[in-house]
């Protein structure tokens, strides 16, 4: 909630016309909310076989100069359910201290607490592997919650209803040609480059308002149906996926479905878009709405033909009266209902509202493997290969899901390699433009090898787990672990994000000076 919203809304009311307010780029850098400003110290205990005994986190979380909408929750509650990640961790403790500073407020940014949790956890797992002399995959294999343990209640109380963490890791390793890495590393060494391989496994917890209601309105003359929703697509393709689910339930063409979103004059309720919740909530509401339309249709047709609803059968988009040749498509029945004198309970015809309330959060998860090459003379990192194998439950539209993963991975890589807000000692912003704040560019990105295993969620009708933020959650730790793996021969054992060329060059020189 930025302060400009209120006067703009009030001005629109006074003028009785739409009003827009747009800041310029400099204003955005100075005043837009920031994300993920934490300083954490963490400890993990292992037994002699490399199995985790306990995990402790102490965090100082910047809130900025004033509290934002979700800032305190993102630093405390949001990461809590998935802080143990995919691992069996018997004991856990987290302490978070929020502090005020001179910066802009810190709020939710793609992943909102879960990337922070996954990053810290996976960095510790990697450190444990190095200290115990185990490979990156073996230490995870020994600590993963097994598929036959599902549903599994983790140490912070979250219940993972389904998943196969080991299977996803093995698939990712195969697709990334894990076994061939040693050859690629040797080839890089011959060219004076450092090559590293990094694995990270994440578990996400989808968040947000637990209920969504949608409104269904038929236009039989035009052969169209409108679905009004309380979420808003920001380019994810919600309107495509929602139409697919609703149309499939009614046996009609998705192109006959109009999704109306983002207009409070049409739909004034809804939990909005965020927390990887949109298709999970609206998709299942579409299932409920489709079922309600079918039941309403049976009642309407029974009334029209003086029959019992039990004698009406619905199949492949048609209502049929048993024992007769009376058969009406969905839009034909909606048209008949609009012209008929129906009882009060059926007065709206096939138009109706339906809702879905989730019974539990869902837990998307997956394995990310990054492979990087570093020029030790300059500290410049090149991400050469990137592999993701995810479990998003049932996948409705593979292309939309791939787009979400690609975008999320790029955002995570951006944070790992360069994005940073920097103030000087007088609290003046130094990174106030894209000249100083390095956004990832298409030319810097590798082809992202993305695949998924469909392991349906057991807590919602469609079996969905959500996918919107997953790419970002796995990207930061996988890239940083790959960088540390590349730098290990130089004696570099620790490095914080962002791994800028200067930071890497400095770490190499410091390690070499220490060794000398």
Protein backbone atom coordinates (compact mmCIF):
# COMPACT_ATOMS: atom_id res chain seq x y z
CA UNK A 1 0.00 0.00 0.00
CA UNK A 2 1.89 3.02 -1.27
CA UNK A 3 0.77 6.40 0.07
CA UNK A 4 -0.05 7.67 -3.44
CA UNK A 5 -2.87 5.14 -3.80
CA UNK A 6 -5.20 6.94 -1.39
CA UNK A 7 -5.15 10.45 -2.89
CA UNK A 8 -5.42 8.99 -6.41
CA UNK A 9 -8.50 6.99 -5.43
CA UNK A 10 -10.03 9.98 -3.69
CA UNK A 11 -9.32 12.22 -6.70
CA UNK A 12 -10.95 9.65 -9.00
CA UNK A 13 -14.05 9.74 -6.81
CA UNK A 14 -14.17 13.52 -6.78
CA UNK A 15 -13.63 13.83 -10.54
CA UNK A 16 -15.84 10.82 -11.34
CA UNK A 17 -13.40 9.52 -13.92
CA UNK A 18 -10.51 7.03 -14.09
CA UNK A 19 -7.20 8.40 -12.88
CA UNK A 20 -3.69 7.04 -13.23
CA UNK A 21 -0.57 7.76 -11.23
CA UNK A 22 2.82 6.65 -12.54
CA UNK A 23 6.19 7.21 -10.92
CA UNK A 24 9.35 7.63 -12.96
CA UNK A 25 12.27 5.21 -12.80
CA UNK A 26 14.27 7.27 -10.32
CA UNK A 27 11.31 7.51 -7.96
CA UNK A 28 10.86 3.76 -8.20
CA UNK A 29 14.45 3.07 -7.21
CA UNK A 30 14.19 5.47 -4.29
CA UNK A 31 10.83 4.46 -2.88
CA UNK A 32 9.55 1.10 -4.15
CA UNK A 33 9.61 -1.72 -1.62
CA UNK A 34 12.73 -3.84 -1.36
CA UNK A 35 13.00 -7.59 -0.81
CA UNK A 36 15.00 -10.15 1.14
CA UNK A 37 17.17 -7.89 3.33
CA UNK A 38 18.29 -10.38 5.95
CA UNK A 39 21.46 -11.21 7.84
CA UNK A 40 21.30 -14.77 9.18
CA UNK A 41 23.58 -16.96 11.23
CA UNK A 42 22.74 -20.64 11.08
CA UNK A 43 24.05 -23.87 12.56
CA UNK A 44 23.36 -27.47 11.61
CA UNK A 45 24.34 -30.60 13.53
CA UNK A 46 25.00 -33.96 11.86
CA UNK A 47 25.63 -37.44 13.20
CA UNK A 48 28.72 -39.36 12.01
CA UNK A 49 26.73 -40.81 9.06
CA UNK A 50 25.83 -37.36 7.80
CA UNK A 51 22.21 -37.34 8.98
CA UNK A 52 20.83 -34.07 10.31
CA UNK A 53 20.26 -33.86 14.06
CA UNK A 54 19.27 -30.23 14.49
CA UNK A 55 19.02 -26.86 12.77
CA UNK A 56 19.14 -23.37 14.28
CA UNK A 57 18.63 -19.97 12.64
CA UNK A 58 19.15 -16.48 14.07
CA UNK A 59 18.14 -13.67 11.75
CA UNK A 60 18.18 -9.89 11.78
CA UNK A 61 15.56 -8.75 9.29
CA UNK A 62 15.47 -5.22 7.94
CA UNK A 63 11.96 -3.76 7.91
CA UNK A 64 13.03 -0.47 6.34
CA UNK A 65 12.06 2.94 7.66
CA UNK A 66 8.45 1.85 8.22
CA UNK A 67 6.48 -1.38 8.16
CA UNK A 68 5.02 -2.54 4.87
CA UNK A 69 1.97 -4.73 4.30
CA UNK A 70 3.63 -8.10 4.73
CA UNK A 71 7.21 -7.30 5.77
CA UNK A 72 7.12 -8.73 9.31
CA UNK A 73 5.27 -11.88 8.22
CA UNK A 74 7.61 -12.53 5.29
CA UNK A 75 10.63 -12.56 7.57
CA UNK A 76 9.03 -14.73 10.25
CA UNK A 77 5.97 -16.82 9.39
CA UNK A 78 6.35 -17.28 5.62
CA UNK A 79 9.58 -19.31 5.74
CA UNK A 80 8.66 -21.26 8.86
CA UNK A 81 6.64 -24.10 7.32
CA UNK A 82 9.33 -24.92 4.75
CA UNK A 83 12.44 -24.07 6.76
CA UNK A 84 13.21 -27.83 7.09
CA UNK A 85 12.81 -28.20 3.31
CA UNK A 86 12.74 -31.76 1.95
CA UNK A 87 14.76 -33.15 4.84
CA UNK A 88 13.96 -35.03 8.02
CA UNK A 89 15.14 -32.60 10.70
CA UNK A 90 14.27 -33.69 14.26
CA UNK A 91 14.96 -30.38 16.03
CA UNK A 92 14.61 -26.81 14.80
CA UNK A 93 14.77 -23.30 16.25
CA UNK A 94 14.30 -19.96 14.51
CA UNK A 95 14.72 -16.52 16.03
CA UNK A 96 14.02 -13.38 14.00
CA UNK A 97 14.62 -9.80 15.13
CA UNK A 98 13.06 -7.09 12.98
CA UNK A 99 14.93 -3.78 12.82
CA UNK A 100 14.16 -0.33 11.42
CA UNK A 101 16.72 1.31 9.11
CA UNK A 102 16.94 4.19 6.65
CA UNK A 103 15.95 2.05 3.63
CA UNK A 104 12.66 1.80 1.80
CA UNK A 105 10.23 -0.70 3.36
CA UNK A 106 11.00 -4.38 2.78
CA UNK A 107 8.06 -6.46 1.59
CA UNK A 108 7.13 -9.61 -0.33
CA UNK A 109 9.12 -10.36 -3.48
CA UNK A 110 8.64 -13.43 -5.65
CA UNK A 111 8.87 -16.35 -3.26
CA UNK A 112 8.34 -14.14 -0.21
CA UNK A 113 10.27 -15.83 2.57
CA UNK A 114 10.60 -19.24 0.97
CA UNK A 115 13.68 -18.34 -1.16
CA UNK A 116 15.37 -17.04 1.96
CA UNK A 117 14.61 -20.31 3.78
CA UNK A 118 15.75 -22.52 0.90
CA UNK A 119 18.94 -20.53 0.38
CA UNK A 120 20.03 -20.78 3.99
CA UNK A 121 19.14 -24.46 4.24
CA UNK A 122 20.85 -25.52 1.02
CA UNK A 123 24.01 -23.54 1.77
CA UNK A 124 24.24 -25.39 5.10
CA UNK A 125 23.62 -28.76 3.44
CA UNK A 126 26.42 -27.98 0.98
CA UNK A 127 28.75 -26.93 3.78
CA UNK A 128 27.90 -30.13 5.62
CA UNK A 129 28.73 -32.19 2.55
CA UNK A 130 32.15 -30.52 2.25
CA UNK A 131 32.94 -30.91 5.94
CA UNK A 132 31.82 -34.57 6.01
CA UNK A 133 33.43 -35.55 2.73
CA UNK A 134 30.13 -36.42 1.07
CA UNK A 135 28.94 -35.58 -2.43
CA UNK A 136 26.16 -33.04 -2.98
CA UNK A 137 23.68 -35.75 -3.93
CA UNK A 138 24.66 -38.26 -1.25
CA UNK A 139 24.14 -35.93 1.71
CA UNK A 140 20.70 -35.09 0.36
CA UNK A 141 19.85 -38.71 -0.33
CA UNK A 142 20.62 -39.61 3.29
CA UNK A 143 18.38 -36.88 4.68
CA UNK A 144 15.43 -36.68 2.25
CA UNK A 145 11.95 -37.46 3.47
CA UNK A 146 11.08 -40.61 1.52
CA UNK A 147 8.09 -40.94 -0.82
CA UNK A 148 6.75 -43.82 1.31
CA UNK A 149 6.68 -41.48 4.34
CA UNK A 150 4.04 -39.23 2.75
CA UNK A 151 1.97 -37.63 4.15
CA UNK A 152 4.80 -36.33 6.31
CA UNK A 153 4.56 -33.79 9.13
CA UNK A 154 7.77 -31.83 9.42
CA UNK A 155 9.27 -30.39 12.58
CA UNK A 156 7.52 -27.00 12.16
CA UNK A 157 4.10 -28.61 11.73
CA UNK A 158 3.63 -28.49 7.94
CA UNK A 159 2.15 -31.62 6.37
CA UNK A 160 3.64 -32.59 3.01
CA UNK A 161 0.81 -34.55 1.41
CA UNK A 162 2.81 -36.02 -1.49
CA UNK A 163 6.18 -35.93 -3.21
CA UNK A 164 9.20 -37.91 -4.35
CA UNK A 165 12.26 -35.82 -3.56
CA UNK A 166 14.79 -38.56 -4.31
CA UNK A 167 13.18 -39.37 -7.65
CA UNK A 168 13.19 -35.75 -8.75
CA UNK A 169 16.86 -35.39 -7.79
CA UNK A 170 17.87 -38.48 -9.74
CA UNK A 171 15.95 -37.25 -12.81
CA UNK A 172 17.61 -33.83 -12.57
CA UNK A 173 21.06 -35.37 -12.29
CA UNK A 174 20.44 -37.48 -15.39
CA UNK A 175 19.18 -34.53 -17.43
CA UNK A 176 22.10 -32.36 -16.26
CA UNK A 177 24.64 -35.06 -17.20
CA UNK A 178 25.97 -35.01 -13.66
CA UNK A 179 28.28 -37.93 -14.45
CA UNK A 180 29.92 -35.99 -17.29
CA UNK A 181 30.75 -32.92 -15.23
CA UNK A 182 34.31 -34.00 -14.42
CA UNK A 183 35.17 -33.99 -18.12
CA UNK A 184 33.65 -30.54 -18.61
CA UNK A 185 35.54 -29.23 -15.59
CA UNK A 186 38.82 -30.56 -16.98
CA UNK A 187 38.14 -28.89 -20.33
CA UNK A 188 37.46 -25.57 -18.58
CA UNK A 189 40.67 -25.89 -16.56
CA UNK A 190 42.64 -26.33 -19.76
CA UNK A 191 41.31 -22.94 -20.87
CA UNK A 192 42.19 -21.25 -17.56
CA UNK A 193 38.58 -21.22 -16.32
CA UNK A 194 36.94 -22.51 -13.13
CA UNK A 195 33.87 -24.70 -13.56
CA UNK A 196 31.43 -25.52 -10.79
CA UNK A 197 28.33 -27.62 -10.28
CA UNK A 198 25.64 -26.73 -7.76
CA UNK A 199 22.55 -28.59 -6.60
CA UNK A 200 19.68 -27.24 -4.54
CA UNK A 201 16.38 -28.81 -3.55
CA UNK A 202 13.49 -26.62 -2.45
CA UNK A 203 10.06 -27.10 -0.94
CA UNK A 204 7.62 -24.22 -1.31
CA UNK A 205 4.49 -23.55 0.72
CA UNK A 206 1.73 -21.78 -1.23
CA UNK A 207 0.16 -18.91 0.67
CA UNK A 208 -2.68 -16.40 0.48
CA UNK A 209 -6.37 -16.02 1.25
CA UNK A 210 -7.88 -19.51 1.67
CA UNK A 211 -11.15 -18.78 -0.18
CA UNK A 212 -12.16 -17.61 -3.66
CA UNK A 213 -15.61 -17.08 -5.17
CA UNK A 214 -16.35 -16.79 -8.88
CA UNK A 215 -19.48 -15.67 -10.79
CA UNK A 216 -20.77 -17.45 -13.89
CA UNK A 217 -22.91 -15.63 -16.47
CA UNK A 218 -24.12 -17.13 -19.77
CA UNK A 219 -24.80 -15.22 -22.99
CA UNK A 220 -26.54 -17.98 -24.96
CA UNK A 221 -27.23 -15.85 -28.04
CA UNK A 222 -23.53 -15.19 -28.46
CA UNK A 223 -22.60 -18.69 -27.36
CA UNK A 224 -20.34 -17.39 -24.61
CA UNK A 225 -19.99 -17.65 -20.86
CA UNK A 226 -18.25 -15.16 -18.56
CA UNK A 227 -16.32 -16.17 -15.47
CA UNK A 228 -15.66 -13.26 -13.09
CA UNK A 229 -12.73 -13.78 -10.72
CA UNK A 230 -11.06 -11.91 -7.88
CA UNK A 231 -7.47 -12.45 -9.03
CA UNK A 232 -5.45 -10.56 -11.64
CA UNK A 233 -3.08 -11.92 -14.25
CA UNK A 234 0.21 -10.05 -14.52
CA UNK A 235 1.17 -11.93 -17.64
CA UNK A 236 1.10 -15.46 -16.24
CA UNK A 237 -1.72 -16.55 -18.56
CA UNK A 238 -4.39 -17.08 -15.90
CA UNK A 239 -7.15 -16.39 -18.41
CA UNK A 240 -5.99 -19.34 -20.51
CA UNK A 241 -5.69 -21.83 -17.66
CA UNK A 242 -8.98 -20.82 -16.00
CA UNK A 243 -10.84 -21.16 -19.30
CA UNK A 244 -9.28 -24.58 -19.88
CA UNK A 245 -10.44 -25.93 -16.52
CA UNK A 246 -13.97 -24.51 -16.70
CA UNK A 247 -14.51 -25.48 -20.33
CA UNK A 248 -13.26 -29.00 -19.74
CA UNK A 249 -15.72 -29.46 -16.88
CA UNK A 250 -18.65 -28.41 -19.07
CA UNK A 251 -17.50 -30.02 -22.30
CA UNK A 252 -17.40 -26.74 -24.21
CA UNK A 253 -14.70 -24.95 -26.22
CA UNK A 254 -12.27 -22.89 -24.07
CA UNK A 255 -12.59 -20.09 -26.66
CA UNK A 256 -16.24 -19.71 -25.59
CA UNK A 257 -15.13 -18.73 -22.06
CA UNK A 258 -14.42 -15.08 -21.19
CA UNK A 259 -12.41 -14.53 -18.00
CA UNK A 260 -13.19 -11.18 -16.36
CA UNK A 261 -10.56 -10.12 -13.84
CA UNK A 262 -9.18 -7.07 -12.12
CA UNK A 263 -12.38 -4.99 -12.14
CA UNK A 264 -13.97 -4.42 -8.74
CA UNK A 265 -17.09 -3.05 -10.43
CA UNK A 266 -17.69 -6.57 -11.76
CA UNK A 267 -16.26 -8.64 -8.92
CA UNK A 268 -15.69 -6.97 -5.57
CA UNK A 269 -14.38 -9.95 -3.63
CA UNK A 270 -11.20 -11.95 -3.98
CA UNK A 271 -7.85 -12.62 -2.40
CA UNK A 272 -5.83 -11.36 -5.35
CA UNK A 273 -2.78 -12.83 -7.02
CA UNK A 274 0.17 -13.91 -4.90
CA UNK A 275 1.57 -16.84 -2.98
CA UNK A 276 1.40 -19.17 -6.03
CA UNK A 277 -2.31 -19.46 -5.30
CA UNK A 278 -4.20 -18.30 -8.39
CA UNK A 279 -4.85 -21.47 -10.41
CA UNK A 280 -4.95 -23.55 -7.26
CA UNK A 281 -7.83 -21.41 -5.96
CA UNK A 282 -9.67 -20.25 -9.09
CA UNK A 283 -9.14 -23.56 -10.92
CA UNK A 284 -10.77 -25.49 -8.12
CA UNK A 285 -13.51 -22.84 -7.90
CA UNK A 286 -14.07 -23.46 -11.64
CA UNK A 287 -14.50 -27.15 -10.89
CA UNK A 288 -17.06 -26.30 -8.20
CA UNK A 289 -18.81 -23.87 -10.57
CA UNK A 290 -18.88 -26.40 -13.40
CA UNK A 291 -20.41 -29.02 -11.13
CA UNK A 292 -22.98 -26.49 -9.91
CA UNK A 293 -23.89 -25.53 -13.49
CA UNK A 294 -24.42 -29.22 -14.28
CA UNK A 295 -26.64 -29.75 -11.23
CA UNK A 296 -28.56 -26.54 -11.94
CA UNK A 297 -28.92 -27.56 -15.58
CA UNK A 298 -30.44 -30.89 -14.60
CA UNK A 299 -32.97 -29.08 -12.41
CA UNK A 300 -33.82 -26.57 -15.16
CA UNK A 301 -34.24 -29.24 -17.82
CA UNK A 302 -36.30 -31.37 -15.46
CA UNK A 303 -38.61 -28.40 -14.89
CA UNK A 304 -38.87 -27.64 -18.62
CA UNK A 305 -39.83 -31.22 -19.48
CA UNK A 306 -41.73 -32.05 -16.30
CA UNK A 307 -39.29 -34.76 -15.35
CA UNK A 308 -37.17 -35.66 -12.36
CA UNK A 309 -33.62 -34.30 -12.14
CA UNK A 310 -32.54 -37.91 -11.64
CA UNK A 311 -33.71 -38.63 -15.19
CA UNK A 312 -31.38 -36.00 -16.66
CA UNK A 313 -27.91 -37.11 -17.69
CA UNK A 314 -25.00 -34.80 -18.53
CA UNK A 315 -22.20 -35.96 -20.82
CA UNK A 316 -19.78 -34.25 -23.22
CA UNK A 317 -21.49 -30.87 -22.99
CA UNK A 318 -25.08 -32.11 -23.41
CA UNK A 319 -28.02 -32.60 -21.10
CA UNK A 320 -30.18 -35.59 -22.08
CA UNK A 321 -33.55 -36.75 -20.78
CA UNK A 322 -33.36 -40.50 -20.32
CA UNK A 323 -35.64 -42.57 -22.53
CA UNK A 324 -36.22 -39.70 -24.97
CA UNK A 325 -34.44 -37.93 -27.83
CA UNK A 326 -34.51 -34.65 -25.94
CA UNK A 327 -30.94 -33.38 -25.87
CA UNK A 328 -29.72 -29.82 -25.24
CA UNK A 329 -26.22 -28.37 -25.23
CA UNK A 330 -25.13 -26.11 -22.39
CA UNK A 331 -25.80 -22.89 -24.31
CA UNK A 332 -29.08 -24.22 -25.71
CA UNK A 333 -30.28 -24.98 -22.20
CA UNK A 334 -29.14 -21.56 -20.99
CA UNK A 335 -31.19 -20.01 -23.82
CA UNK A 336 -34.27 -22.05 -22.94
CA UNK A 337 -33.86 -21.11 -19.29
CA UNK A 338 -33.70 -17.41 -20.15
CA UNK A 339 -37.05 -17.63 -21.98
CA UNK A 340 -38.87 -19.90 -19.49
CA UNK A 341 -40.96 -19.03 -16.47
CA UNK A 342 -38.85 -20.73 -13.85
CA UNK A 343 -39.48 -20.99 -10.11
CA UNK A 344 -37.64 -18.57 -7.85
CA UNK A 345 -34.94 -21.07 -6.96
CA UNK A 346 -34.04 -21.43 -10.65
CA UNK A 347 -34.76 -17.84 -11.73
CA UNK A 348 -31.13 -17.14 -12.73
CA UNK A 349 -31.06 -20.09 -15.07
CA UNK A 350 -27.52 -21.41 -15.34
CA UNK A 351 -25.99 -18.20 -13.97
CA UNK A 352 -24.59 -18.72 -10.49
CA UNK A 353 -21.77 -18.16 -8.05
CA UNK A 354 -19.46 -20.82 -6.65
CA UNK A 355 -16.59 -20.84 -4.19
CA UNK A 356 -13.64 -22.93 -3.16
CA UNK A 357 -11.98 -22.97 0.26
CA UNK A 358 -8.67 -24.74 0.54
CA UNK A 359 -8.23 -27.26 3.32
CA UNK A 360 -4.44 -27.00 3.43
CA UNK A 361 -1.45 -25.34 1.84
CA UNK A 362 0.22 -27.14 -1.03
CA UNK A 363 3.93 -27.92 -1.29
CA UNK A 364 5.50 -27.60 -4.74
CA UNK A 365 9.06 -28.90 -4.77
CA UNK A 366 11.91 -29.64 -7.10
CA UNK A 367 15.61 -30.01 -7.81
CA UNK A 368 17.72 -27.29 -9.47
CA UNK A 369 21.19 -27.94 -10.87
CA UNK A 370 23.33 -25.02 -12.05
CA UNK A 371 26.66 -25.27 -13.84
CA UNK A 372 28.85 -22.17 -14.02
CA UNK A 373 32.17 -21.10 -15.41
CA UNK A 374 34.29 -18.36 -13.81
CA UNK A 375 37.16 -16.37 -15.26
CA UNK A 376 39.52 -16.05 -12.28
CA UNK A 377 41.23 -13.01 -13.82
CA UNK A 378 38.03 -10.95 -13.83
CA UNK A 379 35.60 -12.75 -11.51
CA UNK A 380 32.96 -12.85 -14.25
CA UNK A 381 30.48 -15.74 -13.95
CA UNK A 382 28.82 -17.43 -16.91
CA UNK A 383 25.90 -19.76 -16.22
CA UNK A 384 26.58 -22.48 -18.79
CA UNK A 385 23.85 -25.05 -18.03
CA UNK A 386 20.70 -25.00 -15.93
CA UNK A 387 18.42 -27.95 -15.17
CA UNK A 388 15.15 -28.07 -13.22
CA UNK A 389 12.92 -31.04 -12.40
CA UNK A 390 9.82 -29.94 -10.51
CA UNK A 391 6.76 -31.48 -8.91
CA UNK A 392 3.81 -29.13 -9.32
CA UNK A 393 1.17 -31.80 -8.92
CA UNK A 394 -1.26 -31.87 -11.83
CA UNK A 395 -0.11 -29.62 -14.68
CA UNK A 396 -2.95 -27.91 -16.58
CA UNK A 397 -0.95 -26.02 -19.21
CA UNK A 398 2.70 -27.10 -19.64
CA UNK A 399 3.67 -24.00 -21.65
CA UNK A 400 2.41 -21.60 -18.98
CA UNK A 401 4.19 -23.58 -16.28
CA UNK A 402 7.45 -23.55 -18.24
CA UNK A 403 7.16 -19.78 -18.64
CA UNK A 404 6.70 -19.33 -14.91
CA UNK A 405 9.73 -21.49 -14.12
CA UNK A 406 11.92 -19.74 -16.70
CA UNK A 407 11.00 -16.30 -15.35
CA UNK A 408 11.51 -17.35 -11.76
CA UNK A 409 14.89 -18.91 -12.45
CA UNK A 410 16.09 -15.74 -14.16
CA UNK A 411 14.97 -13.64 -11.20
CA UNK A 412 16.84 -15.94 -8.83
CA UNK A 413 19.98 -15.84 -10.96
CA UNK A 414 19.73 -12.05 -11.01
CA UNK A 415 19.72 -11.92 -7.24
CA UNK A 416 22.58 -14.41 -6.95
CA UNK A 417 24.87 -12.63 -9.41
CA UNK A 418 24.27 -8.92 -9.13
CA UNK A 419 21.09 -7.33 -7.81
CA UNK A 420 21.80 -5.26 -4.71
CA UNK A 421 20.53 -2.01 -3.22
CA UNK A 422 23.47 0.01 -1.90
CA UNK A 423 23.48 3.12 0.31
CA UNK A 424 26.50 5.21 1.27
CA UNK A 425 27.40 6.22 4.82
CA UNK A 426 25.03 9.19 4.57
CA UNK A 427 22.10 6.95 3.59
CA UNK A 428 22.14 8.16 0.00
CA UNK A 429 21.12 5.57 -2.57
CA UNK A 430 24.02 4.63 -4.87
CA UNK A 431 22.27 1.97 -6.97
CA UNK A 432 19.58 4.31 -8.26
CA UNK A 433 19.41 3.28 -11.91
CA UNK A 434 20.02 0.33 -14.18
CA UNK A 435 23.51 1.71 -14.72
CA UNK A 436 24.27 0.60 -11.17
CA UNK A 437 21.66 -2.09 -10.53
CA UNK A 438 22.40 -5.04 -12.86
CA UNK A 439 19.26 -6.76 -14.07
CA UNK A 440 19.81 -10.15 -15.76
CA UNK A 441 19.68 -9.99 -19.56
CA UNK A 442 18.59 -12.61 -22.06
CA UNK A 443 22.10 -12.88 -23.48
CA UNK A 444 23.44 -13.82 -20.04
CA UNK A 445 21.06 -16.73 -19.59
CA UNK A 446 21.55 -20.34 -20.68
CA UNK A 447 18.84 -22.53 -22.15
CA UNK A 448 16.88 -23.71 -19.12
CA UNK A 449 16.20 -27.45 -19.25
CA UNK A 450 12.86 -27.74 -17.48
CA UNK A 451 10.81 -30.87 -16.90
CA UNK A 452 8.36 -32.06 -14.28
CA UNK A 453 6.97 -35.14 -12.60
CA UNK A 454 3.22 -35.05 -11.97
CA UNK A 455 2.60 -36.23 -8.43
CA UNK A 456 -0.97 -35.02 -7.74
CA UNK A 457 -1.61 -33.06 -4.58
CA UNK A 458 -3.97 -34.93 -2.27
CA UNK A 459 -5.64 -31.90 -0.69
CA UNK A 460 -7.53 -30.30 -3.60
CA UNK A 461 -9.78 -31.67 -6.38
CA UNK A 462 -7.47 -30.76 -9.28
CA UNK A 463 -4.33 -32.06 -7.57
CA UNK A 464 -2.55 -28.72 -8.11
CA UNK A 465 0.48 -27.52 -6.11
CA UNK A 466 1.23 -24.10 -7.64
CA UNK A 467 4.25 -23.02 -9.70
CA UNK A 468 4.52 -19.22 -9.80
CA UNK A 469 7.41 -18.67 -7.41
CA UNK A 470 9.22 -22.00 -7.53
CA UNK A 471 11.90 -20.99 -10.05
CA UNK A 472 13.18 -18.17 -7.87
CA UNK A 473 13.28 -20.34 -4.75
CA UNK A 474 15.64 -22.91 -6.22
CA UNK A 475 17.81 -20.62 -8.34
CA UNK A 476 19.64 -18.57 -5.70
CA UNK A 477 21.14 -21.51 -3.78
CA UNK A 478 21.93 -23.67 -6.83
CA UNK A 479 23.89 -20.86 -8.53
CA UNK A 480 25.75 -19.87 -5.37
CA UNK A 481 26.64 -23.48 -4.59
CA UNK A 482 27.92 -23.89 -8.16
CA UNK A 483 30.08 -20.77 -7.71
CA UNK A 484 31.51 -22.09 -4.45
CA UNK A 485 32.19 -25.44 -6.10
CA UNK A 486 34.08 -23.64 -8.87
CA UNK A 487 36.07 -21.56 -6.39
CA UNK A 488 36.94 -24.46 -4.07
CA UNK A 489 40.26 -25.22 -5.84
CA UNK A 490 41.27 -21.61 -5.16
CA UNK A 491 40.62 -22.03 -1.45
CA UNK A 492 37.47 -19.92 -1.31
CA UNK A 493 35.11 -21.47 1.23
CA UNK A 494 32.47 -18.78 1.77
CA UNK A 495 30.79 -16.09 -0.30
CA UNK A 496 27.55 -14.16 0.14
CA UNK A 497 25.13 -12.95 -2.50
CA UNK A 498 25.40 -11.15 -4.77
CA UNK A 499 28.41 -12.85 -6.32
CA UNK A 500 29.49 -9.88 -8.41
CA UNK A 501 32.69 -10.05 -10.46
CA UNK A 502 34.42 -7.79 -7.93
CA UNK A 503 33.27 -9.95 -4.99
CA UNK A 504 34.52 -13.12 -6.68
CA UNK A 505 37.80 -11.55 -7.81
CA UNK A 506 38.37 -10.23 -4.29
CA UNK A 507 37.63 -13.62 -2.71
CA UNK A 508 40.08 -15.36 -5.04
CA UNK A 509 42.85 -12.87 -4.32
CA UNK A 510 42.22 -12.97 -0.58
CA UNK A 511 42.35 -16.78 -0.55
CA UNK A 512 45.53 -16.83 -2.63
CA UNK A 513 47.19 -14.27 -0.36
CA UNK A 514 46.23 -16.29 2.70
CA UNK A 515 47.60 -19.48 1.14
CA UNK A 516 50.87 -17.73 0.33
